[in-house]
């Protein structure tokens, strides 16, 4: 009898990177990714999470999310499922030290999926007034830090358009997958240890 595979259920923002790591490490994981744009709509994110958890009730589930919803821990506790550690996907990608350093230097982290769908995300969150949108970002952040992983496509044009639209300078950072791999590996190991 084979052991039931773990379902990794989470945000689709790093789905290419996660699939790469699953293949590289031959992890016995199935995946279900939720639209990364839902992080700007708490009600829709909660609904999508609840539906996905209910649909997979009874399975061993590892949730790949940070604290992207104010009730995240409560939702997952109710469903009796485990979650990756980490404040958010960017911290899991960069590691806590680099994440904290860049955040304190005013970075707004821009990943490929967000850059490609920026207009949708901004319209849904802030509406159609570009002056208001720029003021919100410029009041809190001083630059866009684009994170490029080994799995990223070329989203230079889209990132430059975002930078121009908001009026913040653009920086690029090539990121390995070692921190993300460690977060996932630790979570999988913890789940397997509990199951024994």
C-alpha atoms as a PDB file:
ATOM      1  CA  UNK A   1       0.000   0.000   0.000  1.00  0.00           C
ATOM      2  CA  UNK A   2       1.437   3.359  -1.009  1.00  0.00           C
ATOM      3  CA  UNK A   3       1.277   6.387   1.249  1.00  0.00           C
ATOM      4  CA  UNK A   4      -1.198   9.093   0.215  1.00  0.00           C
ATOM      5  CA  UNK A   5       0.479  11.981  -1.530  1.00  0.00           C
ATOM      6  CA  UNK A   6       0.462  15.379   0.126  1.00  0.00           C
ATOM      7  CA  UNK A   7      -1.544  18.087  -1.629  1.00  0.00           C
ATOM      8  CA  UNK A   8       0.314  21.377  -1.778  1.00  0.00           C
ATOM      9  CA  UNK A   9      -2.459  23.960  -1.956  1.00  0.00           C
ATOM     10  CA  UNK A  10      -1.426  27.532  -2.307  1.00  0.00           C
ATOM     11  CA  UNK A  11      -0.938  30.817  -4.029  1.00  0.00           C
ATOM     12  CA  UNK A  12      -0.059  30.540  -7.699  1.00  0.00           C
ATOM     13  CA  UNK A  13       2.477  33.377  -7.583  1.00  0.00           C
ATOM     14  CA  UNK A  14       5.427  30.954  -7.498  1.00  0.00           C
ATOM     15  CA  UNK A  15       3.787  27.969  -9.216  1.00  0.00           C
ATOM     16  CA  UNK A  16       6.546  27.638 -11.842  1.00  0.00           C
ATOM     17  CA  UNK A  17       9.219  27.671  -9.162  1.00  0.00           C
ATOM     18  CA  UNK A  18       7.355  25.193  -6.960  1.00  0.00           C
ATOM     19  CA  UNK A  19       6.734  22.791  -9.837  1.00  0.00           C
ATOM     20  CA  UNK A  20      10.430  23.012 -10.714  1.00  0.00           C
ATOM     21  CA  UNK A  21      11.411  22.140  -7.125  1.00  0.00           C
ATOM     22  CA  UNK A  22       8.914  19.269  -6.956  1.00  0.00           C
ATOM     23  CA  UNK A  23      10.433  17.756 -10.096  1.00  0.00           C
ATOM     24  CA  UNK A  24      14.020  18.426  -8.962  1.00  0.00           C
ATOM     25  CA  UNK A  25      13.509  16.806  -5.556  1.00  0.00           C
ATOM     26  CA  UNK A  26      11.049  14.136  -6.685  1.00  0.00           C
ATOM     27  CA  UNK A  27       8.708  15.222  -3.890  1.00  0.00           C
ATOM     28  CA  UNK A  28       5.509  13.194  -3.631  1.00  0.00           C
ATOM     29  CA  UNK A  29       3.267  16.248  -3.922  1.00  0.00           C
ATOM     30  CA  UNK A  30       0.160  17.031  -5.910  1.00  0.00           C
ATOM     31  CA  UNK A  31      -0.530  20.727  -6.441  1.00  0.00           C
ATOM     32  CA  UNK A  32      -3.526  23.024  -6.549  1.00  0.00           C
ATOM     33  CA  UNK A  33      -2.800  26.709  -7.077  1.00  0.00           C
ATOM     34  CA  UNK A  34      -5.144  29.601  -6.314  1.00  0.00           C
ATOM     35  CA  UNK A  35      -5.029  32.798  -8.390  1.00  0.00           C
ATOM     36  CA  UNK A  36      -2.351  35.125  -6.986  1.00  0.00           C
ATOM     37  CA  UNK A  37      -4.539  38.157  -7.667  1.00  0.00           C
ATOM     38  CA  UNK A  38      -6.851  37.142  -4.816  1.00  0.00           C
ATOM     39  CA  UNK A  39      -4.386  38.591  -2.300  1.00  0.00           C
ATOM     40  CA  UNK A  40      -5.977  41.978  -3.005  1.00  0.00           C
ATOM     41  CA  UNK A  41      -9.489  40.687  -2.199  1.00  0.00           C
ATOM     42  CA  UNK A  42      -9.731  39.106   1.257  1.00  0.00           C
ATOM     43  CA  UNK A  43     -13.314  37.932   0.758  1.00  0.00           C
ATOM     44  CA  UNK A  44     -12.514  36.188  -2.530  1.00  0.00           C
ATOM     45  CA  UNK A  45      -9.306  34.694  -1.118  1.00  0.00           C
ATOM     46  CA  UNK A  46     -11.126  33.313   1.919  1.00  0.00           C
ATOM     47  CA  UNK A  47     -13.849  31.864  -0.295  1.00  0.00           C
ATOM     48  CA  UNK A  48     -11.332  30.223  -2.652  1.00  0.00           C
ATOM     49  CA  UNK A  49      -9.355  28.784   0.263  1.00  0.00           C
ATOM     50  CA  UNK A  50     -12.451  27.432   2.004  1.00  0.00           C
ATOM     51  CA  UNK A  51     -13.700  25.815  -1.221  1.00  0.00           C
ATOM     52  CA  UNK A  52     -10.325  24.233  -2.006  1.00  0.00           C
ATOM     53  CA  UNK A  53      -9.953  22.930   1.545  1.00  0.00           C
ATOM     54  CA  UNK A  54     -13.498  21.532   1.578  1.00  0.00           C
ATOM     55  CA  UNK A  55     -13.023  19.890  -1.827  1.00  0.00           C
ATOM     56  CA  UNK A  56      -9.915  18.142  -0.519  1.00  0.00           C
ATOM     57  CA  UNK A  57     -11.114  17.360   3.012  1.00  0.00           C
ATOM     58  CA  UNK A  58      -9.551  14.202   4.353  1.00  0.00           C
ATOM     59  CA  UNK A  59      -6.328  14.623   2.377  1.00  0.00           C
ATOM     60  CA  UNK A  60      -2.966  15.515   3.833  1.00  0.00           C
ATOM     61  CA  UNK A  61      -2.724  19.190   2.852  1.00  0.00           C
ATOM     62  CA  UNK A  62       0.224  21.550   3.051  1.00  0.00           C
ATOM     63  CA  UNK A  63      -0.850  25.147   2.461  1.00  0.00           C
ATOM     64  CA  UNK A  64       1.662  27.384   0.669  1.00  0.00           C
ATOM     65  CA  UNK A  65       0.689  30.816   1.925  1.00  0.00           C
ATOM     66  CA  UNK A  66       2.050  33.352   4.317  1.00  0.00           C
ATOM     67  CA  UNK A  67      -0.219  35.529   6.401  1.00  0.00           C
ATOM     68  CA  UNK A  68      -1.877  36.909   3.272  1.00  0.00           C
ATOM     69  CA  UNK A  69      -5.300  36.964   4.927  1.00  0.00           C
ATOM     70  CA  UNK A  70      -5.995  38.339   8.415  1.00  0.00           C
ATOM     71  CA  UNK A  71      -7.745  35.066   9.344  1.00  0.00           C
ATOM     72  CA  UNK A  72      -5.251  32.721   7.643  1.00  0.00           C
ATOM     73  CA  UNK A  73      -4.232  30.829  10.771  1.00  0.00           C
ATOM     74  CA  UNK A  74      -7.840  30.507  11.936  1.00  0.00           C
ATOM     75  CA  UNK A  75      -8.992  29.197   8.533  1.00  0.00           C
ATOM     76  CA  UNK A  76      -6.251  26.582   8.438  1.00  0.00           C
ATOM     77  CA  UNK A  77      -6.739  25.592  12.063  1.00  0.00           C
ATOM     78  CA  UNK A  78     -10.446  25.001  11.367  1.00  0.00           C
ATOM     79  CA  UNK A  79      -9.474  22.758   8.440  1.00  0.00           C
ATOM     80  CA  UNK A  80      -6.731  21.046  10.517  1.00  0.00           C
ATOM     81  CA  UNK A  81      -4.051  21.555   7.858  1.00  0.00           C
ATOM     82  CA  UNK A  82      -0.411  22.638   7.983  1.00  0.00           C
ATOM     83  CA  UNK A  83       1.062  25.806   6.466  1.00  0.00           C
ATOM     84  CA  UNK A  84       4.527  26.768   5.334  1.00  0.00           C
ATOM     85  CA  UNK A  85       6.278  29.109   7.725  1.00  0.00           C
ATOM     86  CA  UNK A  86       7.067  32.558   6.485  1.00  0.00           C
ATOM     87  CA  UNK A  87       5.305  35.900   6.437  1.00  0.00           C
ATOM     88  CA  UNK A  88       4.658  35.763   2.695  1.00  0.00           C
ATOM     89  CA  UNK A  89       5.869  34.300  -0.589  1.00  0.00           C
ATOM     90  CA  UNK A  90       8.577  36.945  -0.999  1.00  0.00           C
ATOM     91  CA  UNK A  91      10.103  36.133   2.381  1.00  0.00           C
ATOM     92  CA  UNK A  92      10.042  32.432   1.454  1.00  0.00           C
ATOM     93  CA  UNK A  93      11.778  33.254  -1.828  1.00  0.00           C
ATOM     94  CA  UNK A  94      14.413  35.669  -0.470  1.00  0.00           C
ATOM     95  CA  UNK A  95      14.901  34.386   3.062  1.00  0.00           C
ATOM     96  CA  UNK A  96      14.033  36.494   6.077  1.00  0.00           C
ATOM     97  CA  UNK A  97      17.261  38.516   6.236  1.00  0.00           C
ATOM     98  CA  UNK A  98      17.225  39.694   2.590  1.00  0.00           C
ATOM     99  CA  UNK A  99      13.455  40.227   2.661  1.00  0.00           C
ATOM    100  CA  UNK A 100      13.661  42.404   5.784  1.00  0.00           C
ATOM    101  CA  UNK A 101      16.649  44.352   4.415  1.00  0.00           C
ATOM    102  CA  UNK A 102      14.963  45.155   1.098  1.00  0.00           C
ATOM    103  CA  UNK A 103      11.642  45.956   2.752  1.00  0.00           C
ATOM    104  CA  UNK A 104      13.352  48.399   5.108  1.00  0.00           C
ATOM    105  CA  UNK A 105      14.987  50.012   2.050  1.00  0.00           C
ATOM    106  CA  UNK A 106      11.563  50.840   0.614  1.00  0.00           C
ATOM    107  CA  UNK A 107      11.114  47.993  -1.859  1.00  0.00           C
ATOM    108  CA  UNK A 108       7.770  47.045  -3.287  1.00  0.00           C
ATOM    109  CA  UNK A 109       8.432  43.519  -4.509  1.00  0.00           C
ATOM    110  CA  UNK A 110       7.289  42.817  -8.036  1.00  0.00           C
ATOM    111  CA  UNK A 111       7.062  39.243  -9.267  1.00  0.00           C
ATOM    112  CA  UNK A 112       6.368  38.138 -12.809  1.00  0.00           C
ATOM    113  CA  UNK A 113       2.708  37.218 -12.334  1.00  0.00           C
ATOM    114  CA  UNK A 114       1.921  40.548 -10.674  1.00  0.00           C
ATOM    115  CA  UNK A 115       3.762  42.563 -13.326  1.00  0.00           C
ATOM    116  CA  UNK A 116       1.958  40.727 -16.131  1.00  0.00           C
ATOM    117  CA  UNK A 117      -1.429  41.412 -14.524  1.00  0.00           C
ATOM    118  CA  UNK A 118      -0.695  44.771 -12.916  1.00  0.00           C
ATOM    119  CA  UNK A 119      -3.516  46.719 -14.541  1.00  0.00           C
ATOM    120  CA  UNK A 120      -6.092  44.171 -13.391  1.00  0.00           C
ATOM    121  CA  UNK A 121      -4.705  44.141  -9.854  1.00  0.00           C
ATOM    122  CA  UNK A 122      -4.510  47.936  -9.564  1.00  0.00           C
ATOM    123  CA  UNK A 123      -7.951  48.534 -11.057  1.00  0.00           C
ATOM    124  CA  UNK A 124      -9.517  45.995  -8.687  1.00  0.00           C
ATOM    125  CA  UNK A 125      -7.721  47.402  -5.650  1.00  0.00           C
ATOM    126  CA  UNK A 126      -7.476  51.158  -6.179  1.00  0.00           C
ATOM    127  CA  UNK A 127      -9.793  52.036  -9.046  1.00  0.00           C
ATOM    128  CA  UNK A 128      -9.016  54.070 -12.148  1.00  0.00           C
ATOM    129  CA  UNK A 129      -7.456  57.237 -10.714  1.00  0.00           C
ATOM    130  CA  UNK A 130      -3.698  57.073 -11.536  1.00  0.00           C
ATOM    131  CA  UNK A 131      -2.893  60.018  -9.251  1.00  0.00           C
ATOM    132  CA  UNK A 132      -4.350  58.207  -6.240  1.00  0.00           C
ATOM    133  CA  UNK A 133      -2.575  54.962  -7.148  1.00  0.00           C
ATOM    134  CA  UNK A 134       0.793  56.709  -7.540  1.00  0.00           C
ATOM    135  CA  UNK A 135       0.330  58.589  -4.259  1.00  0.00           C
ATOM    136  CA  UNK A 136      -0.400  55.346  -2.397  1.00  0.00           C
ATOM    137  CA  UNK A 137       2.762  53.643  -3.647  1.00  0.00           C
ATOM    138  CA  UNK A 138       5.020  56.685  -3.435  1.00  0.00           C
ATOM    139  CA  UNK A 139       3.861  57.461   0.084  1.00  0.00           C
ATOM    140  CA  UNK A 140       4.937  54.075   1.376  1.00  0.00           C
ATOM    141  CA  UNK A 141       7.626  52.706  -0.976  1.00  0.00           C
ATOM    142  CA  UNK A 142      10.657  54.145  -2.765  1.00  0.00           C
ATOM    143  CA  UNK A 143      11.316  51.565  -5.509  1.00  0.00           C
ATOM    144  CA  UNK A 144      10.076  48.474  -7.288  1.00  0.00           C
ATOM    145  CA  UNK A 145      12.315  45.456  -6.766  1.00  0.00           C
ATOM    146  CA  UNK A 146      11.667  42.944  -9.533  1.00  0.00           C
ATOM    147  CA  UNK A 147      12.534  39.405  -8.520  1.00  0.00           C
ATOM    148  CA  UNK A 148      13.802  37.212 -11.325  1.00  0.00           C
ATOM    149  CA  UNK A 149      14.084  33.467 -10.616  1.00  0.00           C
ATOM    150  CA  UNK A 150      15.564  30.737 -12.829  1.00  0.00           C
ATOM    151  CA  UNK A 151      11.940  29.978 -13.816  1.00  0.00           C
ATOM    152  CA  UNK A 152      10.937  33.549 -14.719  1.00  0.00           C
ATOM    153  CA  UNK A 153      10.125  34.616 -18.224  1.00  0.00           C
ATOM    154  CA  UNK A 154      11.132  38.013 -19.579  1.00  0.00           C
ATOM    155  CA  UNK A 155       8.764  40.534 -18.043  1.00  0.00           C
ATOM    156  CA  UNK A 156      11.039  43.560 -18.476  1.00  0.00           C
ATOM    157  CA  UNK A 157       8.583  45.538 -20.621  1.00  0.00           C
ATOM    158  CA  UNK A 158       5.718  44.998 -18.196  1.00  0.00           C
ATOM    159  CA  UNK A 159       7.866  45.932 -15.191  1.00  0.00           C
ATOM    160  CA  UNK A 160       9.053  49.084 -16.920  1.00  0.00           C
ATOM    161  CA  UNK A 161       5.444  50.023 -17.697  1.00  0.00           C
ATOM    162  CA  UNK A 162       4.528  49.570 -14.013  1.00  0.00           C
ATOM    163  CA  UNK A 163       7.501  51.700 -12.960  1.00  0.00           C
ATOM    164  CA  UNK A 164       6.505  54.455 -15.385  1.00  0.00           C
ATOM    165  CA  UNK A 165       2.827  54.300 -14.399  1.00  0.00           C
ATOM    166  CA  UNK A 166       3.515  54.584 -10.657  1.00  0.00           C
ATOM    167  CA  UNK A 167       6.579  56.834 -10.859  1.00  0.00           C
ATOM    168  CA  UNK A 168       8.962  54.695  -8.823  1.00  0.00           C
ATOM    169  CA  UNK A 169      12.388  53.520 -10.001  1.00  0.00           C
ATOM    170  CA  UNK A 170      12.891  49.906 -10.934  1.00  0.00           C
ATOM    171  CA  UNK A 171      15.578  47.537  -9.650  1.00  0.00           C
ATOM    172  CA  UNK A 172      16.181  43.886 -10.534  1.00  0.00           C
ATOM    173  CA  UNK A 173      17.369  41.059  -8.331  1.00  0.00           C
ATOM    174  CA  UNK A 174      18.222  37.587  -9.573  1.00  0.00           C
ATOM    175  CA  UNK A 175      17.050  35.117  -6.955  1.00  0.00           C
ATOM    176  CA  UNK A 176      17.966  31.460  -6.537  1.00  0.00           C
ATOM    177  CA  UNK A 177      15.402  28.966  -5.264  1.00  0.00           C
ATOM    178  CA  UNK A 178      17.423  27.816  -2.259  1.00  0.00           C
ATOM    179  CA  UNK A 179      15.321  29.609   0.371  1.00  0.00           C
ATOM    180  CA  UNK A 180      12.026  28.549  -1.186  1.00  0.00           C
ATOM    181  CA  UNK A 181      13.321  24.991  -1.417  1.00  0.00           C
ATOM    182  CA  UNK A 182      14.295  25.069   2.270  1.00  0.00           C
ATOM    183  CA  UNK A 183      10.888  26.378   3.368  1.00  0.00           C
ATOM    184  CA  UNK A 184       9.095  23.699   1.360  1.00  0.00           C
ATOM    185  CA  UNK A 185      11.468  20.930   2.422  1.00  0.00           C
ATOM    186  CA  UNK A 186      11.075  21.835   6.095  1.00  0.00           C
ATOM    187  CA  UNK A 187       7.287  21.861   5.804  1.00  0.00           C
ATOM    188  CA  UNK A 188       7.194  18.508   3.989  1.00  0.00           C
ATOM    189  CA  UNK A 189       9.578  16.953   6.529  1.00  0.00           C
ATOM    190  CA  UNK A 190       7.436  18.244   9.414  1.00  0.00           C
ATOM    191  CA  UNK A 191       4.287  16.822   7.841  1.00  0.00           C
ATOM    192  CA  UNK A 192       5.888  13.440   7.260  1.00  0.00           C
ATOM    193  CA  UNK A 193       7.269  13.382  10.818  1.00  0.00           C
ATOM    194  CA  UNK A 194       3.780  14.050  12.241  1.00  0.00           C
ATOM    195  CA  UNK A 195       2.279  11.320  10.026  1.00  0.00           C
ATOM    196  CA  UNK A 196       4.671   8.647  11.378  1.00  0.00           C
END
